[in-house]
PDB file of N, CA and C in Angstrom:
ATOM      1  N   MET A   1     108.998  73.884  89.526  1.00  0.00           N
ATOM      2  CA  MET A   1     108.688  74.827  90.583  1.00  0.00           C
ATOM      3  C   MET A   1     109.927  75.673  90.844  1.00  0.00           C
ATOM      4  N   SER A   2     109.746  76.969  91.045  1.00  0.00           N
ATOM      5  CA  SER A   2     110.894  77.842  91.251  1.00  0.00           C
ATOM      6  C   SER A   2     111.496  77.642  92.630  1.00  0.00           C
ATOM      7  N   GLN A   3     112.721  78.098  92.776  1.00  0.00           N
ATOM      8  CA  GLN A   3     113.415  77.947  94.051  1.00  0.00           C
ATOM      9  C   GLN A   3     112.672  78.681  95.167  1.00  0.00           C
ATOM     10  N   ILE A   4     112.109  79.856  94.872  1.00  0.00           N
ATOM     11  CA  ILE A   4     111.361  80.600  95.880  1.00  0.00           C
ATOM     12  C   ILE A   4     110.165  79.783  96.349  1.00  0.00           C
ATOM     13  N   ASN A   5     109.418  79.219  95.435  1.00  0.00           N
ATOM     14  CA  ASN A   5     108.258  78.426  95.816  1.00  0.00           C
ATOM     15  C   ASN A   5     108.661  77.195  96.597  1.00  0.00           C
ATOM     16  N   GLU A   6     109.746  76.552  96.197  1.00  0.00           N
ATOM     17  CA  GLU A   6     110.225  75.382  96.920  1.00  0.00           C
ATOM     18  C   GLU A   6     110.636  75.773  98.335  1.00  0.00           C
ATOM     19  N   SER A   7     111.312  76.897  98.473  1.00  0.00           N
ATOM     20  CA  SER A   7     111.730  77.359  99.791  1.00  0.00           C
ATOM     21  C   SER A   7     110.509  77.686 100.648  1.00  0.00           C
ATOM     22  N   TYR A   8     109.524  78.338 100.042  1.00  0.00           N
ATOM     23  CA  TYR A   8     108.299  78.664 100.770  1.00  0.00           C
ATOM     24  C   TYR A   8     107.597  77.382 101.197  1.00  0.00           C
ATOM     25  N   THR A   9     107.483  76.444 100.291  1.00  0.00           N
ATOM     26  CA  THR A   9     106.796  75.181 100.584  1.00  0.00           C
ATOM     27  C   THR A   9     107.521  74.421 101.686  1.00  0.00           C
ATOM     28  N   ARG A  10     108.836  74.334 101.599  1.00  0.00           N
ATOM     29  CA  ARG A  10     109.603  73.645 102.642  1.00  0.00           C
ATOM     30  C   ARG A  10     109.453  74.344 103.991  1.00  0.00           C
ATOM     31  N   SER A  11     109.483  75.670 103.968  1.00  0.00           N
ATOM     32  CA  SER A  11     109.339  76.436 105.211  1.00  0.00           C
ATOM     33  C   SER A  11     107.970  76.225 105.827  1.00  0.00           C
ATOM     34  N   LEU A  12     106.943  76.241 104.997  1.00  0.00           N
ATOM     35  CA  LEU A  12     105.592  76.025 105.493  1.00  0.00           C
ATOM     36  C   LEU A  12     105.438  74.617 106.055  1.00  0.00           C
ATOM     37  N   GLN A  13     106.011  73.638 105.382  1.00  0.00           N
ATOM     38  CA  GLN A  13     105.946  72.263 105.875  1.00  0.00           C
ATOM     39  C   GLN A  13     106.660  72.127 107.223  1.00  0.00           C
ATOM     40  N   GLU A  14     107.809  72.761 107.345  1.00  0.00           N
ATOM     41  CA  GLU A  14     108.543  72.711 108.611  1.00  0.00           C
ATOM     42  C   GLU A  14     107.734  73.373 109.723  1.00  0.00           C
ATOM     43  N   LEU A  15     107.122  74.501 109.410  1.00  0.00           N
ATOM     44  CA  LEU A  15     106.295  75.199 110.382  1.00  0.00           C
ATOM     45  C   LEU A  15     105.105  74.336 110.805  1.00  0.00           C
ATOM     46  N   GLU A  16     104.472  73.696 109.840  1.00  0.00           N
ATOM     47  CA  GLU A  16     103.343  72.812 110.152  1.00  0.00           C
ATOM     48  C   GLU A  16     103.785  71.650 111.044  1.00  0.00           C
ATOM     49  N   GLU A  17     104.986  71.139 110.816  1.00  0.00           N
ATOM     50  CA  GLU A  17     105.503  70.045 111.640  1.00  0.00           C
ATOM     51  C   GLU A  17     105.737  70.518 113.074  1.00  0.00           C
ATOM     52  N   ILE A  18     106.269  71.712 113.230  1.00  0.00           N
ATOM     53  CA  ILE A  18     106.486  72.260 114.573  1.00  0.00           C
ATOM     54  C   ILE A  18     105.154  72.419 115.296  1.00  0.00           C
ATOM     55  N   VAL A  19     104.161  72.958 114.600  1.00  0.00           N
ATOM     56  CA  VAL A  19     102.839  73.130 115.198  1.00  0.00           C
ATOM     57  C   VAL A  19     102.255  71.779 115.599  1.00  0.00           C
ATOM     58  N   LYS A  20     102.389  70.799 114.737  1.00  0.00           N
ATOM     59  CA  LYS A  20     101.884  69.454 115.037  1.00  0.00           C
ATOM     60  C   LYS A  20     102.566  68.895 116.282  1.00  0.00           C
ATOM     61  N   GLN A  21     103.882  69.068 116.357  1.00  0.00           N
ATOM     62  CA  GLN A  21     104.618  68.589 117.521  1.00  0.00           C
ATOM     63  C   GLN A  21     104.145  69.276 118.797  1.00  0.00           C
ATOM     64  N   LEU A  22     103.900  70.575 118.702  1.00  0.00           N
ATOM     65  CA  LEU A  22     103.393  71.319 119.860  1.00  0.00           C
ATOM     66  C   LEU A  22     102.025  70.809 120.280  1.00  0.00           C
ATOM     67  N   GLU A  23     101.141  70.641 119.308  1.00  0.00           N
ATOM     68  CA  GLU A  23      99.778  70.191 119.600  1.00  0.00           C
ATOM     69  C   GLU A  23      99.755  68.799 120.206  1.00  0.00           C
ATOM     70  N   GLU A  24     100.651  67.951 119.751  1.00  0.00           N
ATOM     71  CA  GLU A  24     100.662  66.570 120.204  1.00  0.00           C
ATOM     72  C   GLU A  24     101.575  66.344 121.406  1.00  0.00           C
ATOM     73  N   GLY A  25     102.240  67.404 121.852  1.00  0.00           N
ATOM     74  CA  GLY A  25     103.085  67.310 123.037  1.00  0.00           C
ATOM     75  C   GLY A  25     104.408  66.625 122.816  1.00  0.00           C
ATOM     76  N   TYR A  26     104.905  66.606 121.582  1.00  0.00           N
ATOM     77  CA  TYR A  26     106.176  65.944 121.281  1.00  0.00           C
ATOM     78  C   TYR A  26     107.390  66.809 121.574  1.00  0.00           C
ATOM     79  N   ILE A  27     107.183  68.071 121.850  1.00  0.00           N
ATOM     80  CA  ILE A  27     108.301  68.967 122.111  1.00  0.00           C
ATOM     81  C   ILE A  27     108.504  69.059 123.621  1.00  0.00           C
ATOM     82  N   THR A  28     109.718  68.796 124.027  1.00  0.00           N
ATOM     83  CA  THR A  28     110.040  68.870 125.445  1.00  0.00           C
ATOM     84  C   THR A  28     110.218  70.324 125.865  1.00  0.00           C
ATOM     85  N   VAL A  29     110.204  70.545 127.147  1.00  0.00           N
ATOM     86  CA  VAL A  29     110.421  71.892 127.673  1.00  0.00           C
ATOM     87  C   VAL A  29     111.782  72.408 127.220  1.00  0.00           C
ATOM     88  N   ASP A  30     112.760  71.526 127.150  1.00  0.00           N
ATOM     89  CA  ASP A  30     114.095  71.923 126.721  1.00  0.00           C
ATOM     90  C   ASP A  30     114.126  72.390 125.270  1.00  0.00           C
ATOM     91  N   GLU A  31     113.267  71.847 124.448  1.00  0.00           N
ATOM     92  CA  GLU A  31     113.227  72.199 123.020  1.00  0.00           C
ATOM     93  C   GLU A  31     112.291  73.367 122.727  1.00  0.00           C
ATOM     94  N   LEU A  32     111.427  73.702 123.659  1.00  0.00           N
ATOM     95  CA  LEU A  32     110.368  74.667 123.401  1.00  0.00           C
ATOM     96  C   LEU A  32     110.880  76.025 122.930  1.00  0.00           C
ATOM     97  N   ALA A  33     111.870  76.584 123.605  1.00  0.00           N
ATOM     98  CA  ALA A  33     112.399  77.894 123.211  1.00  0.00           C
ATOM     99  C   ALA A  33     112.999  77.842 121.809  1.00  0.00           C
ATOM    100  N   GLU A  34     113.752  76.784 121.527  1.00  0.00           N
ATOM    101  CA  GLU A  34     114.377  76.636 120.209  1.00  0.00           C
ATOM    102  C   GLU A  34     113.318  76.512 119.103  1.00  0.00           C
ATOM    103  N   LYS A  35     112.315  75.674 119.333  1.00  0.00           N
ATOM    104  CA  LYS A  35     111.265  75.464 118.336  1.00  0.00           C
ATOM    105  C   LYS A  35     110.430  76.732 118.149  1.00  0.00           C
ATOM    106  N   SER A  36     110.179  77.462 119.233  1.00  0.00           N
ATOM    107  CA  SER A  36     109.416  78.709 119.138  1.00  0.00           C
ATOM    108  C   SER A  36     110.166  79.740 118.305  1.00  0.00           C
ATOM    109  N   LYS A  37     111.473  79.835 118.527  1.00  0.00           N
ATOM    110  CA  LYS A  37     112.295  80.771 117.755  1.00  0.00           C
ATOM    111  C   LYS A  37     112.291  80.378 116.281  1.00  0.00           C
ATOM    112  N   ARG A  38     112.460  79.106 115.996  1.00  0.00           N
ATOM    113  CA  ARG A  38     112.466  78.633 114.607  1.00  0.00           C
ATOM    114  C   ARG A  38     111.111  78.901 113.949  1.00  0.00           C
ATOM    115  N   ALA A  39     110.026  78.660 114.668  1.00  0.00           N
ATOM    116  CA  ALA A  39     108.692  78.919 114.130  1.00  0.00           C
ATOM    117  C   ALA A  39     108.534  80.398 113.800  1.00  0.00           C
ATOM    118  N   SER A  40     109.027  81.263 114.657  1.00  0.00           N
ATOM    119  CA  SER A  40     108.958  82.698 114.405  1.00  0.00           C
ATOM    120  C   SER A  40     109.729  83.075 113.141  1.00  0.00           C
ATOM    121  N   GLU A  41     110.901  82.498 112.961  1.00  0.00           N
ATOM    122  CA  GLU A  41     111.695  82.751 111.749  1.00  0.00           C
ATOM    123  C   GLU A  41     110.953  82.283 110.499  1.00  0.00           C
ATOM    124  N   LEU A  42     110.341  81.121 110.586  1.00  0.00           N
ATOM    125  CA  LEU A  42     109.610  80.575 109.439  1.00  0.00           C
ATOM    126  C   LEU A  42     108.389  81.424 109.103  1.00  0.00           C
ATOM    127  N   ILE A  43     107.683  81.884 110.113  1.00  0.00           N
ATOM    128  CA  ILE A  43     106.512  82.748 109.894  1.00  0.00           C
ATOM    129  C   ILE A  43     106.944  84.039 109.209  1.00  0.00           C
ATOM    130  N   THR A  44     108.020  84.634 109.686  1.00  0.00           N
ATOM    131  CA  THR A  44     108.529  85.865 109.083  1.00  0.00           C
ATOM    132  C   THR A  44     108.898  85.647 107.622  1.00  0.00           C
ATOM    133  N   TYR A  45     109.589  84.555 107.342  1.00  0.00           N
ATOM    134  CA  TYR A  45     109.997  84.242 105.971  1.00  0.00           C
ATOM    135  C   TYR A  45     108.777  84.037 105.072  1.00  0.00           C
ATOM    136  N   CYS A  46     107.811  83.253 105.537  1.00  0.00           N
ATOM    137  CA  CYS A  46     106.624  82.972 104.723  1.00  0.00           C
ATOM    138  C   CYS A  46     105.817  84.245 104.449  1.00  0.00           C
ATOM    139  N   ARG A  47     105.670  85.085 105.457  1.00  0.00           N
ATOM    140  CA  ARG A  47     104.954  86.353 105.262  1.00  0.00           C
ATOM    141  C   ARG A  47     105.655  87.219 104.226  1.00  0.00           C
ATOM    142  N   GLN A  48     106.979  87.267 104.309  1.00  0.00           N
ATOM    143  CA  GLN A  48     107.762  88.056 103.356  1.00  0.00           C
ATOM    144  C   GLN A  48     107.550  87.544 101.929  1.00  0.00           C
ATOM    145  N   LYS A  49     107.586  86.243 101.751  1.00  0.00           N
ATOM    146  CA  LYS A  49     107.397  85.668 100.420  1.00  0.00           C
ATOM    147  C   LYS A  49     105.986  85.916  99.902  1.00  0.00           C
ATOM    148  N   LEU A  50     104.997  85.828 100.780  1.00  0.00           N
ATOM    149  CA  LEU A  50     103.623  86.098 100.358  1.00  0.00           C
ATOM    150  C   LEU A  50     103.449  87.555  99.942  1.00  0.00           C
ATOM    151  N   ARG A  51     104.028  88.474 100.713  1.00  0.00           N
ATOM    152  CA  ARG A  51     103.956  89.899 100.341  1.00  0.00           C
ATOM    153  C   ARG A  51     104.644  90.151  99.001  1.00  0.00           C
ATOM    154  N   GLN A  52     105.812  89.555  98.831  1.00  0.00           N
ATOM    155  CA  GLN A  52     106.557  89.718  97.588  1.00  0.00           C
ATOM    156  C   GLN A  52     105.747  89.197  96.406  1.00  0.00           C
ATOM    157  N   THR A  53     105.145  88.045  96.566  1.00  0.00           N
ATOM    158  CA  THR A  53     104.343  87.462  95.497  1.00  0.00           C
ATOM    159  C   THR A  53     103.139  88.338  95.194  1.00  0.00           C
ATOM    160  N   GLN A  54     102.485  88.845  96.228  1.00  0.00           N
ATOM    161  CA  GLN A  54     101.333  89.725  96.032  1.00  0.00           C
ATOM    162  C   GLN A  54     101.734  90.974  95.250  1.00  0.00           C
ATOM    163  N   GLU A  55     102.857  91.573  95.607  1.00  0.00           N
ATOM    164  CA  GLU A  55     103.331  92.762  94.903  1.00  0.00           C
ATOM    165  C   GLU A  55     103.635  92.456  93.435  1.00  0.00           C
ATOM    166  N   GLU A  56     104.241  91.299  93.186  1.00  0.00           N
ATOM    167  CA  GLU A  56     104.562  90.920  91.811  1.00  0.00           C
ATOM    168  C   GLU A  56     103.296  90.686  90.989  1.00  0.00           C
ATOM    169  N   VAL A  57     102.310  90.045  91.583  1.00  0.00           N
ATOM    170  CA  VAL A  57     101.047  89.802  90.877  1.00  0.00           C
ATOM    171  C   VAL A  57     100.347  91.132  90.593  1.00  0.00           C
ATOM    172  N   GLU A  58     100.300  92.013  91.577  1.00  0.00           N
ATOM    173  CA  GLU A  58      99.678  93.316  91.371  1.00  0.00           C
ATOM    174  C   GLU A  58     100.383  94.094  90.269  1.00  0.00           C
ATOM    175  N   GLN A  59     101.704  94.039  90.237  1.00  0.00           N
ATOM    176  CA  GLN A  59     102.454  94.752  89.199  1.00  0.00           C
ATOM    177  C   GLN A  59     102.173  94.134  87.829  1.00  0.00           C
ATOM    178  N   THR A  60     102.112  92.842  87.769  1.00  0.00           N
ATOM    179  CA  THR A  60     101.803  92.162  86.505  1.00  0.00           C
ATOM    180  C   THR A  60     100.419  92.561  86.006  1.00  0.00           C
ATOM    181  N   LEU A  61      99.456  92.618  86.898  1.00  0.00           N
ATOM    182  CA  LEU A  61      98.098  93.022  86.509  1.00  0.00           C
ATOM    183  C   LEU A  61      98.076  94.470  86.024  1.00  0.00           C
ATOM    184  N   LYS A  62      98.840  95.342  86.671  1.00  0.00           N
ATOM    185  CA  LYS A  62      98.926  96.742  86.220  1.00  0.00           C
ATOM    186  C   LYS A  62      99.555  96.815  84.842  1.00  0.00           C
ATOM    187  N   ASP A  63     100.588  95.995  84.612  1.00  0.00           N
ATOM    188  CA  ASP A  63     101.264  95.992  83.323  1.00  0.00           C
ATOM    189  C   ASP A  63     100.331  95.517  82.196  1.00  0.00           C
ATOM    190  N   ILE A  64      99.428  94.624  82.534  1.00  0.00           N
ATOM    191  CA  ILE A  64      98.488  94.096  81.530  1.00  0.00           C
ATOM    192  C   ILE A  64      97.499  95.177  81.096  1.00  0.00           C
ATOM    193  N   GLU A  65      97.106  96.004  82.041  1.00  0.00           N
ATOM    194  CA  GLU A  65      96.128  97.055  81.730  1.00  0.00           C
ATOM    195  C   GLU A  65      96.768  98.049  80.847  1.00  0.00           C
TER     196      GLU A  65
END
């Protein structure tokens, strides 16, 4: 697996863990701002990687034609 995919996978897993903690009430009020900021960073990173991958796939398909 490439480093980009590993980074994306790790980021997504971390984001899922934060969401799980929020849903289950494991995050204290003191941690909430920090976890929210981290979740926002992870979402931004994952979206960027998905867009990049989509662009690369589209370019590859154009090159094939």
